[in-house]
Amino acid sequence: MDELLYEKVLRTDECKIHYWISKNQSSPWLVFLHGAGADHNMFAEQLQTVSKDFNVLLWDARGHGLSRPMGNKFSITVLMEDLLEILNIESIDKATFIGQSMGGNIAQELVFYYPHKVEKLVLVDCTCNTMKLTGFEKLTLKLTPFLIRLYPWDYLVRASVKASALNSEVQIYLEKSFHKIGKKDFIKIFLETAACLHYEEGYKINKPILLVYGESDQTGNIKKIASSWAANEPYCHLVEIPNASHCSNQDNPLEFNAALMEFLKKFI
């Protein structure tokens, strides 16, 4: 990956945010946003596929990977503001945003508040920020902060890894990534990601969207709501990735990359 990209650092008041950017900047932009607890390496299998036709930007979001220590500030809004600053520095006026899980939540907030910055969205194994929750889902979110702190750290990591990936190599990668973060920040990241949800009656993104989920993804309501979410968006293409769980782009990169390139080339 490194031979294709420049590594840069955004220095904020509390955190040095590392990001990687294409050396050839004459093509349309793809911005990759990793999931909670992961880092930019989760898109290694996509980079070679897209780098010939697109410029790419990847990052380690605040609190993740090399962008540590996190500092005191963390929320999806803060991450969105970090991202906007990087886009401004790099003179990226508009891009396609590819977000996995938490990365998809960031991308949705960006298109909600700054729709002019978004060309297209690829939302991978993430829930809808603006859909109305059921009573049970609301109760689960309310209880989660109390329950998650009760789990021993090693158990929490094992359970999170098992829920996220089927591929053993992906599981090893996630376990290492989660342990780098530590229990305190991992819980903070998880809870703040869930806190970004806000019901917006009648809202539509109204952008070309590739909505992707792994056939074995059992996290939250992601698989459950995918069809109804896609039906609500006039320009949405829904794809189920076989032999994949929550990190479907890593579990089955061949199927994911095929769906991704078909979508991107359709709207170039």
C-alpha atoms as a PDB file:
ATOM      1  CA  MET A   1       0.000   0.000   0.000  1.00  0.00           C
ATOM      2  CA  ASP A   2       2.725   2.482   0.955  1.00  0.00           C
ATOM      3  CA  GLU A   3       4.313   2.618  -2.500  1.00  0.00           C
ATOM      4  CA  LEU A   4       1.061   4.043  -3.936  1.00  0.00           C
ATOM      5  CA  LEU A   5       0.481   6.757  -1.337  1.00  0.00           C
ATOM      6  CA  TYR A   6       2.003   9.663   0.542  1.00  0.00           C
ATOM      7  CA  GLU A   7       1.613   9.593   4.321  1.00  0.00           C
ATOM      8  CA  LYS A   8       0.652  12.922   5.879  1.00  0.00           C
ATOM      9  CA  VAL A   9      -0.314  14.155   9.340  1.00  0.00           C
ATOM     10  CA  LEU A  10      -3.010  16.602  10.433  1.00  0.00           C
ATOM     11  CA  ARG A  11      -1.925  18.108  13.744  1.00  0.00           C
ATOM     12  CA  THR A  12      -4.893  19.041  15.913  1.00  0.00           C
ATOM     13  CA  ASP A  13      -4.904  20.346  19.465  1.00  0.00           C
ATOM     14  CA  GLU A  14      -5.163  16.834  20.937  1.00  0.00           C
ATOM     15  CA  CYS A  15      -4.366  14.251  18.270  1.00  0.00           C
ATOM     16  CA  LYS A  16      -2.036  13.801  15.313  1.00  0.00           C
ATOM     17  CA  ILE A  17      -4.252  12.323  12.605  1.00  0.00           C
ATOM     18  CA  HIS A  18      -2.408  10.218  10.048  1.00  0.00           C
ATOM     19  CA  TYR A  19      -3.723   9.910   6.523  1.00  0.00           C
ATOM     20  CA  TRP A  20      -2.540   8.556   3.176  1.00  0.00           C
ATOM     21  CA  ILE A  21      -3.155  10.128  -0.212  1.00  0.00           C
ATOM     22  CA  SER A  22      -2.519   9.290  -3.864  1.00  0.00           C
ATOM     23  CA  LYS A  23       0.594  10.538  -5.590  1.00  0.00           C
ATOM     24  CA  ASN A  24      -1.269  10.976  -8.907  1.00  0.00           C
ATOM     25  CA  GLN A  25      -4.036  13.515  -8.378  1.00  0.00           C
ATOM     26  CA  SER A  26      -5.652  13.892 -11.805  1.00  0.00           C
ATOM     27  CA  SER A  27      -8.563  11.450 -11.308  1.00  0.00           C
ATOM     28  CA  PRO A  28     -11.862  11.438  -9.355  1.00  0.00           C
ATOM     29  CA  TRP A  29     -11.521  11.061  -5.593  1.00  0.00           C
ATOM     30  CA  LEU A  30     -12.417   8.095  -3.399  1.00  0.00           C
ATOM     31  CA  VAL A  31     -12.261   8.638   0.371  1.00  0.00           C
ATOM     32  CA  PHE A  32     -12.119   5.455   2.459  1.00  0.00           C
ATOM     33  CA  LEU A  33     -13.415   5.562   6.048  1.00  0.00           C
ATOM     34  CA  HIS A  34     -12.706   2.505   8.188  1.00  0.00           C
ATOM     35  CA  GLY A  35     -14.868   0.966  10.887  1.00  0.00           C
ATOM     36  CA  ALA A  36     -14.703   1.357  14.661  1.00  0.00           C
ATOM     37  CA  GLY A  37     -11.549  -0.163  16.120  1.00  0.00           C
ATOM     38  CA  ALA A  38      -9.910  -0.742  12.734  1.00  0.00           C
ATOM     39  CA  ASP A  39      -7.562   1.466  10.676  1.00  0.00           C
ATOM     40  CA  HIS A  40      -6.767   2.325   7.048  1.00  0.00           C
ATOM     41  CA  ASN A  41      -5.372  -1.152   6.437  1.00  0.00           C
ATOM     42  CA  MET A  42      -8.882  -2.608   6.347  1.00  0.00           C
ATOM     43  CA  PHE A  43      -9.097  -1.386   2.725  1.00  0.00           C
ATOM     44  CA  ALA A  44      -5.823  -2.941   1.544  1.00  0.00           C
ATOM     45  CA  GLU A  45      -7.693  -5.352  -0.742  1.00  0.00           C
ATOM     46  CA  GLN A  46      -9.548  -2.482  -2.412  1.00  0.00           C
ATOM     47  CA  LEU A  47      -6.611  -0.167  -3.054  1.00  0.00           C
ATOM     48  CA  GLN A  48      -5.010  -2.077  -5.897  1.00  0.00           C
ATOM     49  CA  THR A  49      -8.390  -2.435  -7.607  1.00  0.00           C
ATOM     50  CA  VAL A  50      -9.296   1.261  -7.596  1.00  0.00           C
ATOM     51  CA  SER A  51      -5.907   2.988  -7.807  1.00  0.00           C
ATOM     52  CA  LYS A  52      -5.644   2.893 -11.606  1.00  0.00           C
ATOM     53  CA  ASP A  53      -8.833   4.868 -12.172  1.00  0.00           C
ATOM     54  CA  PHE A  54      -9.162   6.969  -9.015  1.00  0.00           C
ATOM     55  CA  ASN A  55      -7.280   9.076  -6.529  1.00  0.00           C
ATOM     56  CA  VAL A  56      -7.635   7.750  -3.007  1.00  0.00           C
ATOM     57  CA  LEU A  57      -7.528   9.131   0.497  1.00  0.00           C
ATOM     58  CA  LEU A  58      -7.435   6.870   3.537  1.00  0.00           C
ATOM     59  CA  TRP A  59      -6.980   7.734   7.188  1.00  0.00           C
ATOM     60  CA  ASP A  60      -6.594   6.407  10.687  1.00  0.00           C
ATOM     61  CA  ALA A  61      -9.474   8.240  12.328  1.00  0.00           C
ATOM     62  CA  ARG A  62      -8.854   9.991  15.638  1.00  0.00           C
ATOM     63  CA  GLY A  63      -8.255   7.327  18.302  1.00  0.00           C
ATOM     64  CA  HIS A  64      -7.409   4.583  15.781  1.00  0.00           C
ATOM     65  CA  GLY A  65      -4.232   3.086  14.340  1.00  0.00           C
ATOM     66  CA  LEU A  66      -1.414   5.639  14.316  1.00  0.00           C
ATOM     67  CA  SER A  67      -3.777   8.493  15.264  1.00  0.00           C
ATOM     68  CA  ARG A  68      -3.310   8.007  18.969  1.00  0.00           C
ATOM     69  CA  PRO A  69      -3.598   9.024  21.721  1.00  0.00           C
ATOM     70  CA  MET A  70      -7.207   9.944  21.082  1.00  0.00           C
ATOM     71  CA  GLY A  71      -7.336  12.961  23.374  1.00  0.00           C
ATOM     72  CA  ASN A  72     -10.469  13.984  25.262  1.00  0.00           C
ATOM     73  CA  LYS A  73     -12.648  14.746  22.243  1.00  0.00           C
ATOM     74  CA  PHE A  74     -14.354  11.956  20.337  1.00  0.00           C
ATOM     75  CA  SER A  75     -17.674  11.811  18.512  1.00  0.00           C
ATOM     76  CA  ILE A  76     -18.877  11.223  14.980  1.00  0.00           C
ATOM     77  CA  THR A  77     -19.238  15.006  14.654  1.00  0.00           C
ATOM     78  CA  VAL A  78     -15.593  15.509  15.691  1.00  0.00           C
ATOM     79  CA  LEU A  79     -14.482  12.880  13.167  1.00  0.00           C
ATOM     80  CA  MET A  80     -16.519  14.608  10.472  1.00  0.00           C
ATOM     81  CA  GLU A  81     -14.843  17.912  11.327  1.00  0.00           C
ATOM     82  CA  ASP A  82     -11.397  16.252  11.179  1.00  0.00           C
ATOM     83  CA  LEU A  83     -12.272  14.853   7.766  1.00  0.00           C
ATOM     84  CA  LEU A  84     -13.502  18.213   6.486  1.00  0.00           C
ATOM     85  CA  GLU A  85     -10.228  19.822   7.532  1.00  0.00           C
ATOM     86  CA  ILE A  86      -8.222  17.198   5.632  1.00  0.00           C
ATOM     87  CA  LEU A  87     -10.411  17.644   2.547  1.00  0.00           C
ATOM     88  CA  ASN A  88      -9.848  21.392   2.734  1.00  0.00           C
ATOM     89  CA  ILE A  89      -6.072  21.000   3.105  1.00  0.00           C
ATOM     90  CA  GLU A  90      -5.940  18.687   0.087  1.00  0.00           C
ATOM     91  CA  SER A  91      -8.324  20.856  -1.987  1.00  0.00           C
ATOM     92  CA  ILE A  92     -10.797  17.991  -2.426  1.00  0.00           C
ATOM     93  CA  ASP A  93     -14.068  19.748  -3.187  1.00  0.00           C
ATOM     94  CA  LYS A  94     -16.129  16.624  -3.893  1.00  0.00           C
ATOM     95  CA  ALA A  95     -15.577  12.880  -3.583  1.00  0.00           C
ATOM     96  CA  THR A  96     -17.126   9.450  -3.365  1.00  0.00           C
ATOM     97  CA  PHE A  97     -17.032   8.302   0.268  1.00  0.00           C
ATOM     98  CA  ILE A  98     -16.633   4.609   1.051  1.00  0.00           C
ATOM     99  CA  GLY A  99     -17.408   3.920   4.691  1.00  0.00           C
ATOM    100  CA  GLN A 100     -17.476   0.643   6.586  1.00  0.00           C
ATOM    101  CA  SER A 101     -19.614   0.530   9.761  1.00  0.00           C
ATOM    102  CA  MET A 102     -18.546   3.626  11.750  1.00  0.00           C
ATOM    103  CA  GLY A 103     -17.039   4.996   8.530  1.00  0.00           C
ATOM    104  CA  GLY A 104     -20.476   4.716   6.949  1.00  0.00           C
ATOM    105  CA  ASN A 105     -21.960   6.676   9.838  1.00  0.00           C
ATOM    106  CA  ILE A 106     -19.409   9.440   9.264  1.00  0.00           C
ATOM    107  CA  ALA A 107     -20.200   9.463   5.537  1.00  0.00           C
ATOM    108  CA  GLN A 108     -23.925   9.761   6.266  1.00  0.00           C
ATOM    109  CA  GLU A 109     -23.378  12.713   8.586  1.00  0.00           C
ATOM    110  CA  LEU A 110     -21.211  14.373   5.958  1.00  0.00           C
ATOM    111  CA  VAL A 111     -23.871  14.064   3.261  1.00  0.00           C
ATOM    112  CA  PHE A 112     -26.563  15.205   5.716  1.00  0.00           C
ATOM    113  CA  TYR A 113     -24.761  18.440   6.661  1.00  0.00           C
ATOM    114  CA  TYR A 114     -22.553  18.997   3.591  1.00  0.00           C
ATOM    115  CA  PRO A 115     -24.288  17.348   0.620  1.00  0.00           C
ATOM    116  CA  HIS A 116     -22.274  19.432  -1.862  1.00  0.00           C
ATOM    117  CA  LYS A 117     -19.123  17.564  -0.777  1.00  0.00           C
ATOM    118  CA  VAL A 118     -20.517  14.142  -1.714  1.00  0.00           C
ATOM    119  CA  GLU A 119     -20.608  12.726  -5.238  1.00  0.00           C
ATOM    120  CA  LYS A 120     -21.604   9.155  -4.323  1.00  0.00           C
ATOM    121  CA  LEU A 121     -21.708   6.908  -1.263  1.00  0.00           C
ATOM    122  CA  VAL A 122     -20.616   3.335  -0.710  1.00  0.00           C
ATOM    123  CA  LEU A 123     -22.007   2.248   2.662  1.00  0.00           C
ATOM    124  CA  VAL A 124     -20.601  -1.037   3.892  1.00  0.00           C
ATOM    125  CA  ASP A 125     -22.168  -2.966   6.781  1.00  0.00           C
ATOM    126  CA  CYS A 126     -23.491   0.114   8.546  1.00  0.00           C
ATOM    127  CA  THR A 127     -26.834   1.118   9.968  1.00  0.00           C
ATOM    128  CA  CYS A 128     -28.905   4.072   8.813  1.00  0.00           C
ATOM    129  CA  ASN A 129     -28.260   7.195  10.879  1.00  0.00           C
ATOM    130  CA  THR A 130     -31.678   8.720  10.196  1.00  0.00           C
ATOM    131  CA  MET A 131     -34.132   5.782  10.281  1.00  0.00           C
ATOM    132  CA  LYS A 132     -36.636   5.498  13.119  1.00  0.00           C
ATOM    133  CA  LEU A 133     -35.673   2.867  15.684  1.00  0.00           C
ATOM    134  CA  THR A 134     -38.056   0.305  17.106  1.00  0.00           C
ATOM    135  CA  GLY A 135     -38.836   0.343  20.826  1.00  0.00           C
ATOM    136  CA  PHE A 136     -36.605  -2.686  21.355  1.00  0.00           C
ATOM    137  CA  GLU A 137     -33.726  -1.047  19.486  1.00  0.00           C
ATOM    138  CA  LYS A 138     -34.069   2.098  21.611  1.00  0.00           C
ATOM    139  CA  LEU A 139     -34.026   0.008  24.794  1.00  0.00           C
ATOM    140  CA  THR A 140     -30.953  -1.892  23.621  1.00  0.00           C
ATOM    141  CA  LEU A 141     -29.087   1.374  22.945  1.00  0.00           C
ATOM    142  CA  LYS A 142     -30.091   2.688  26.358  1.00  0.00           C
ATOM    143  CA  LEU A 143     -28.805  -0.395  28.186  1.00  0.00           C
ATOM    144  CA  THR A 144     -25.620  -0.888  26.155  1.00  0.00           C
ATOM    145  CA  PRO A 145     -23.444   1.659  28.044  1.00  0.00           C
ATOM    146  CA  PHE A 146     -24.106  -0.177  31.309  1.00  0.00           C
ATOM    147  CA  LEU A 147     -23.703  -3.693  29.934  1.00  0.00           C
ATOM    148  CA  ILE A 148     -20.605  -3.206  27.782  1.00  0.00           C
ATOM    149  CA  ARG A 149     -18.514  -2.017  30.733  1.00  0.00           C
ATOM    150  CA  LEU A 150     -19.214  -5.257  32.592  1.00  0.00           C
ATOM    151  CA  TYR A 151     -17.414  -7.436  30.065  1.00  0.00           C
ATOM    152  CA  PRO A 152     -13.761  -8.370  30.694  1.00  0.00           C
ATOM    153  CA  TRP A 153     -11.558  -6.781  28.011  1.00  0.00           C
ATOM    154  CA  ASP A 154     -10.304 -10.044  26.494  1.00  0.00           C
ATOM    155  CA  TYR A 155     -13.851 -11.364  26.222  1.00  0.00           C
ATOM    156  CA  LEU A 156     -15.069  -8.110  24.663  1.00  0.00           C
ATOM    157  CA  VAL A 157     -12.330  -8.278  22.024  1.00  0.00           C
ATOM    158  CA  ARG A 158     -13.003 -11.941  21.218  1.00  0.00           C
ATOM    159  CA  ALA A 159     -16.745 -11.369  20.947  1.00  0.00           C
ATOM    160  CA  SER A 160     -16.295  -8.276  18.776  1.00  0.00           C
ATOM    161  CA  VAL A 161     -13.862 -10.060  16.464  1.00  0.00           C
ATOM    162  CA  LYS A 162     -16.141 -13.079  16.117  1.00  0.00           C
ATOM    163  CA  ALA A 163     -19.098 -10.841  15.280  1.00  0.00           C
ATOM    164  CA  SER A 164     -17.096  -8.887  12.707  1.00  0.00           C
ATOM    165  CA  ALA A 165     -15.397 -11.403  10.432  1.00  0.00           C
ATOM    166  CA  LEU A 166     -15.431 -14.988   9.173  1.00  0.00           C
ATOM    167  CA  ASN A 167     -11.962 -14.992   7.620  1.00  0.00           C
ATOM    168  CA  SER A 168      -9.275 -16.022  10.122  1.00  0.00           C
ATOM    169  CA  GLU A 169      -6.722 -13.520   8.757  1.00  0.00           C
ATOM    170  CA  VAL A 170      -9.229 -10.694   9.110  1.00  0.00           C
ATOM    171  CA  GLN A 171      -9.967 -11.825  12.660  1.00  0.00           C
ATOM    172  CA  ILE A 172      -6.249 -11.676  13.523  1.00  0.00           C
ATOM    173  CA  TYR A 173      -6.002  -8.176  12.042  1.00  0.00           C
ATOM    174  CA  LEU A 174      -9.042  -6.958  14.005  1.00  0.00           C
ATOM    175  CA  GLU A 175      -7.839  -8.467  17.277  1.00  0.00           C
ATOM    176  CA  LYS A 176      -4.507  -6.652  16.958  1.00  0.00           C
ATOM    177  CA  SER A 177      -6.233  -3.390  16.010  1.00  0.00           C
ATOM    178  CA  PHE A 178      -8.664  -3.566  18.928  1.00  0.00           C
ATOM    179  CA  HIS A 179      -5.910  -4.314  21.450  1.00  0.00           C
ATOM    180  CA  LYS A 180      -3.937  -1.256  20.280  1.00  0.00           C
ATOM    181  CA  ILE A 181      -6.873   0.930  21.280  1.00  0.00           C
ATOM    182  CA  GLY A 182      -7.544  -0.530  24.714  1.00  0.00           C
ATOM    183  CA  LYS A 183     -10.791  -1.028  26.599  1.00  0.00           C
ATOM    184  CA  LYS A 184     -11.472   2.552  27.708  1.00  0.00           C
ATOM    185  CA  ASP A 185     -11.180   4.120  24.263  1.00  0.00           C
ATOM    186  CA  PHE A 186     -12.746   1.129  22.500  1.00  0.00           C
ATOM    187  CA  ILE A 187     -15.901   1.518  24.606  1.00  0.00           C
ATOM    188  CA  LYS A 188     -15.917   5.278  24.057  1.00  0.00           C
ATOM    189  CA  ILE A 189     -15.654   4.796  20.298  1.00  0.00           C
ATOM    190  CA  PHE A 190     -18.443   2.213  20.301  1.00  0.00           C
ATOM    191  CA  LEU A 191     -20.821   4.327  22.394  1.00  0.00           C
ATOM    192  CA  GLU A 192     -20.182   7.576  20.539  1.00  0.00           C
ATOM    193  CA  THR A 193     -20.776   5.853  17.222  1.00  0.00           C
ATOM    194  CA  ALA A 194     -24.167   4.629  18.441  1.00  0.00           C
ATOM    195  CA  ALA A 195     -24.933   8.139  19.727  1.00  0.00           C
ATOM    196  CA  CYS A 196     -24.830   9.652  16.234  1.00  0.00           C
ATOM    197  CA  LEU A 197     -28.241   8.225  15.261  1.00  0.00           C
ATOM    198  CA  HIS A 198     -30.971  10.837  14.757  1.00  0.00           C
ATOM    199  CA  TYR A 199     -34.392  10.130  13.261  1.00  0.00           C
ATOM    200  CA  GLU A 200     -35.286  12.441  10.368  1.00  0.00           C
ATOM    201  CA  GLU A 201     -38.817  11.857   9.100  1.00  0.00           C
ATOM    202  CA  GLY A 202     -39.020  11.787   5.308  1.00  0.00           C
ATOM    203  CA  TYR A 203     -35.291  12.324   4.800  1.00  0.00           C
ATOM    204  CA  LYS A 204     -33.586  10.913   1.720  1.00  0.00           C
ATOM    205  CA  ILE A 205     -29.896  11.113   0.854  1.00  0.00           C
ATOM    206  CA  ASN A 206     -30.726  11.476  -2.859  1.00  0.00           C
ATOM    207  CA  LYS A 207     -27.247  10.514  -4.061  1.00  0.00           C
ATOM    208  CA  PRO A 208     -26.080   7.400  -5.927  1.00  0.00           C
ATOM    209  CA  ILE A 209     -25.572   4.820  -3.180  1.00  0.00           C
ATOM    210  CA  LEU A 210     -24.074   1.348  -3.118  1.00  0.00           C
ATOM    211  CA  LEU A 211     -25.424  -0.265   0.044  1.00  0.00           C
ATOM    212  CA  VAL A 212     -23.523  -3.429   0.940  1.00  0.00           C
ATOM    213  CA  TYR A 213     -23.827  -5.968   3.739  1.00  0.00           C
ATOM    214  CA  GLY A 214     -22.386  -9.398   4.438  1.00  0.00           C
ATOM    215  CA  GLU A 215     -24.858 -12.262   4.313  1.00  0.00           C
ATOM    216  CA  SER A 216     -23.720 -13.382   7.796  1.00  0.00           C
ATOM    217  CA  ASP A 217     -23.690  -9.908   9.383  1.00  0.00           C
ATOM    218  CA  GLN A 218     -25.675 -10.180  12.618  1.00  0.00           C
ATOM    219  CA  THR A 219     -24.518  -6.923  14.218  1.00  0.00           C
ATOM    220  CA  GLY A 220     -27.265  -4.528  15.248  1.00  0.00           C
ATOM    221  CA  ASN A 221     -30.081  -4.018  12.741  1.00  0.00           C
ATOM    222  CA  ILE A 222     -27.812  -3.703   9.669  1.00  0.00           C
ATOM    223  CA  LYS A 223     -29.026  -6.704   7.679  1.00  0.00           C
ATOM    224  CA  LYS A 224     -32.589  -6.351   8.946  1.00  0.00           C
ATOM    225  CA  ILE A 225     -33.122  -2.811   7.631  1.00  0.00           C
ATOM    226  CA  ALA A 226     -31.017  -2.980   4.449  1.00  0.00           C
ATOM    227  CA  SER A 227     -33.885  -3.710   2.066  1.00  0.00           C
ATOM    228  CA  SER A 228     -36.231  -1.047   3.478  1.00  0.00           C
ATOM    229  CA  TRP A 229     -33.403   1.506   3.571  1.00  0.00           C
ATOM    230  CA  ALA A 230     -32.519   0.814  -0.052  1.00  0.00           C
ATOM    231  CA  ALA A 231     -36.178   1.030  -1.082  1.00  0.00           C
ATOM    232  CA  ASN A 232     -36.404   4.501   0.494  1.00  0.00           C
ATOM    233  CA  GLU A 233     -33.539   5.858  -1.620  1.00  0.00           C
ATOM    234  CA  PRO A 234     -34.235   6.526  -5.316  1.00  0.00           C
ATOM    235  CA  TYR A 235     -30.622   5.962  -6.448  1.00  0.00           C
ATOM    236  CA  CYS A 236     -29.604   3.059  -4.226  1.00  0.00           C
ATOM    237  CA  HIS A 237     -28.207  -0.310  -5.332  1.00  0.00           C
ATOM    238  CA  LEU A 238     -28.300  -3.025  -2.658  1.00  0.00           C
ATOM    239  CA  VAL A 239     -25.781  -5.895  -2.667  1.00  0.00           C
ATOM    240  CA  GLU A 240     -25.470  -8.839  -0.287  1.00  0.00           C
ATOM    241  CA  ILE A 241     -21.906 -10.192  -0.169  1.00  0.00           C
ATOM    242  CA  PRO A 242     -21.825 -13.994   0.207  1.00  0.00           C
ATOM    243  CA  ASN A 243     -19.459 -15.733   2.616  1.00  0.00           C
ATOM    244  CA  ALA A 244     -18.981 -12.517   4.554  1.00  0.00           C
ATOM    245  CA  SER A 245     -19.900 -11.000   7.892  1.00  0.00           C
ATOM    246  CA  HIS A 246     -19.665  -7.425   9.219  1.00  0.00           C
ATOM    247  CA  CYS A 247     -16.367  -6.671   7.463  1.00  0.00           C
ATOM    248  CA  SER A 248     -17.653  -7.861   4.101  1.00  0.00           C
ATOM    249  CA  ASN A 249     -15.036  -5.960   2.090  1.00  0.00           C
ATOM    250  CA  GLN A 250     -12.330  -7.957   3.903  1.00  0.00           C
ATOM    251  CA  ASP A 251     -14.111 -11.311   4.260  1.00  0.00           C
ATOM    252  CA  ASN A 252     -14.867 -11.541   0.545  1.00  0.00           C
ATOM    253  CA  PRO A 253     -12.852  -8.873  -1.293  1.00  0.00           C
ATOM    254  CA  LEU A 254     -13.359 -10.496  -4.701  1.00  0.00           C
ATOM    255  CA  GLU A 255     -17.155 -10.150  -4.589  1.00  0.00           C
ATOM    256  CA  PHE A 256     -17.000  -6.776  -2.886  1.00  0.00           C
ATOM    257  CA  ASN A 257     -14.509  -5.314  -5.358  1.00  0.00           C
ATOM    258  CA  ALA A 258     -16.591  -6.478  -8.313  1.00  0.00           C
ATOM    259  CA  ALA A 259     -19.691  -4.759  -6.909  1.00  0.00           C
ATOM    260  CA  LEU A 260     -17.679  -1.647  -6.053  1.00  0.00           C
ATOM    261  CA  MET A 261     -16.109  -1.243  -9.498  1.00  0.00           C
ATOM    262  CA  GLU A 262     -19.393  -1.872 -11.288  1.00  0.00           C
ATOM    263  CA  PHE A 263     -21.018   0.879  -9.216  1.00  0.00           C
ATOM    264  CA  LEU A 264     -18.155   3.355  -9.581  1.00  0.00           C
ATOM    265  CA  LYS A 265     -17.782   2.937 -13.332  1.00  0.00           C
ATOM    266  CA  LYS A 266     -21.531   3.250 -13.855  1.00  0.00           C
ATOM    267  CA  PHE A 267     -21.477   6.755 -12.408  1.00  0.00           C
ATOM    268  CA  ILE A 268     -18.099   8.094 -13.613  1.00  0.00           C
END
